[in-house]
Amino acid sequence: MPYLKTDMSDQKKKEDKAKRLAEQLRANLARRKSQARARRAGEGDARRDGIKAAKTEDKE
């Protein structure tokens, strides 16, 4: 049954890929949440090419 070893290694590769993708997804979500919080707080994005802070006008 040599095909079982290949199936197992393929299964392991799929599991590893799924874990990597899940980690990347969590990191991306955390980064996007951080950016959204910064925009709500009126702070600009830390990156040079990031989104500028929203201007607030003081109404008298």
Protein backbone atom coordinates (compact mmCIF):
# COMPACT_ATOMS: atom_id res chain seq x y z
CA MET A 1 0.00 0.00 0.00
CA PRO A 2 2.52 2.66 -1.01
CA TYR A 3 -0.25 5.02 -2.11
CA LEU A 4 -1.30 5.49 1.52
CA LYS A 5 2.00 7.17 2.33
CA THR A 6 1.51 9.61 -0.54
CA ASP A 7 -2.07 10.25 0.55
CA MET A 8 -0.88 10.94 4.07
CA SER A 9 1.79 13.36 2.91
CA ASP A 10 -0.75 15.09 0.65
CA GLN A 11 -3.14 15.31 3.58
CA LYS A 12 -0.36 16.75 5.76
CA LYS A 13 0.45 19.33 3.09
CA LYS A 14 -3.21 20.34 2.89
CA GLU A 15 -3.43 20.68 6.66
CA ASP A 16 -0.24 22.77 6.77
CA LYS A 17 -1.54 25.00 4.00
CA ALA A 18 -4.88 25.43 5.78
CA LYS A 19 -3.05 26.39 9.00
CA ARG A 20 -0.88 28.93 7.16
CA LEU A 21 -3.90 30.45 5.44
CA ALA A 22 -5.80 30.65 8.73
CA GLU A 23 -2.85 32.44 10.38
CA GLN A 24 -2.59 34.88 7.48
CA LEU A 25 -6.32 35.53 7.62
CA ARG A 26 -6.19 36.26 11.36
CA ALA A 27 -3.20 38.60 10.88
CA ASN A 28 -4.99 40.41 8.06
CA LEU A 29 -8.16 40.77 10.12
CA ALA A 30 -6.20 42.15 13.08
CA ARG A 31 -4.43 44.65 10.80
CA ARG A 32 -7.71 45.80 9.25
CA LYS A 33 -9.34 46.18 12.66
CA SER A 34 -6.37 48.24 13.82
CA GLN A 35 -6.66 50.49 10.76
CA ALA A 36 -10.40 50.93 11.30
CA ARG A 37 -9.85 51.87 14.96
CA ALA A 38 -7.19 54.40 13.94
CA ARG A 39 -9.55 56.00 11.42
CA ARG A 40 -12.34 56.25 14.01
CA ALA A 41 -9.90 57.85 16.46
CA GLY A 42 -8.90 60.38 13.81
CA GLU A 43 -5.32 59.17 13.51
CA GLY A 44 -3.69 58.67 10.12
CA ASP A 45 -2.46 55.30 8.96
CA ALA A 46 1.11 54.56 10.06
CA ARG A 47 2.22 53.64 6.55
CA ARG A 48 3.50 56.39 4.29
CA ASP A 49 1.07 55.37 1.54
CA GLY A 50 -1.78 54.76 4.00
CA ILE A 51 -5.12 56.49 4.24
CA LYS A 52 -5.08 60.00 5.64
CA ALA A 53 -6.98 60.88 8.79
CA ALA A 54 -10.47 62.27 8.34
CA LYS A 55 -10.65 66.01 8.89
CA THR A 56 -12.89 67.22 11.65
CA GLU A 57 -14.32 70.69 11.57
CA ASP A 58 -15.06 72.53 14.78
CA LYS A 59 -18.52 74.02 14.57
CA GLU A 60 -19.16 77.03 16.72
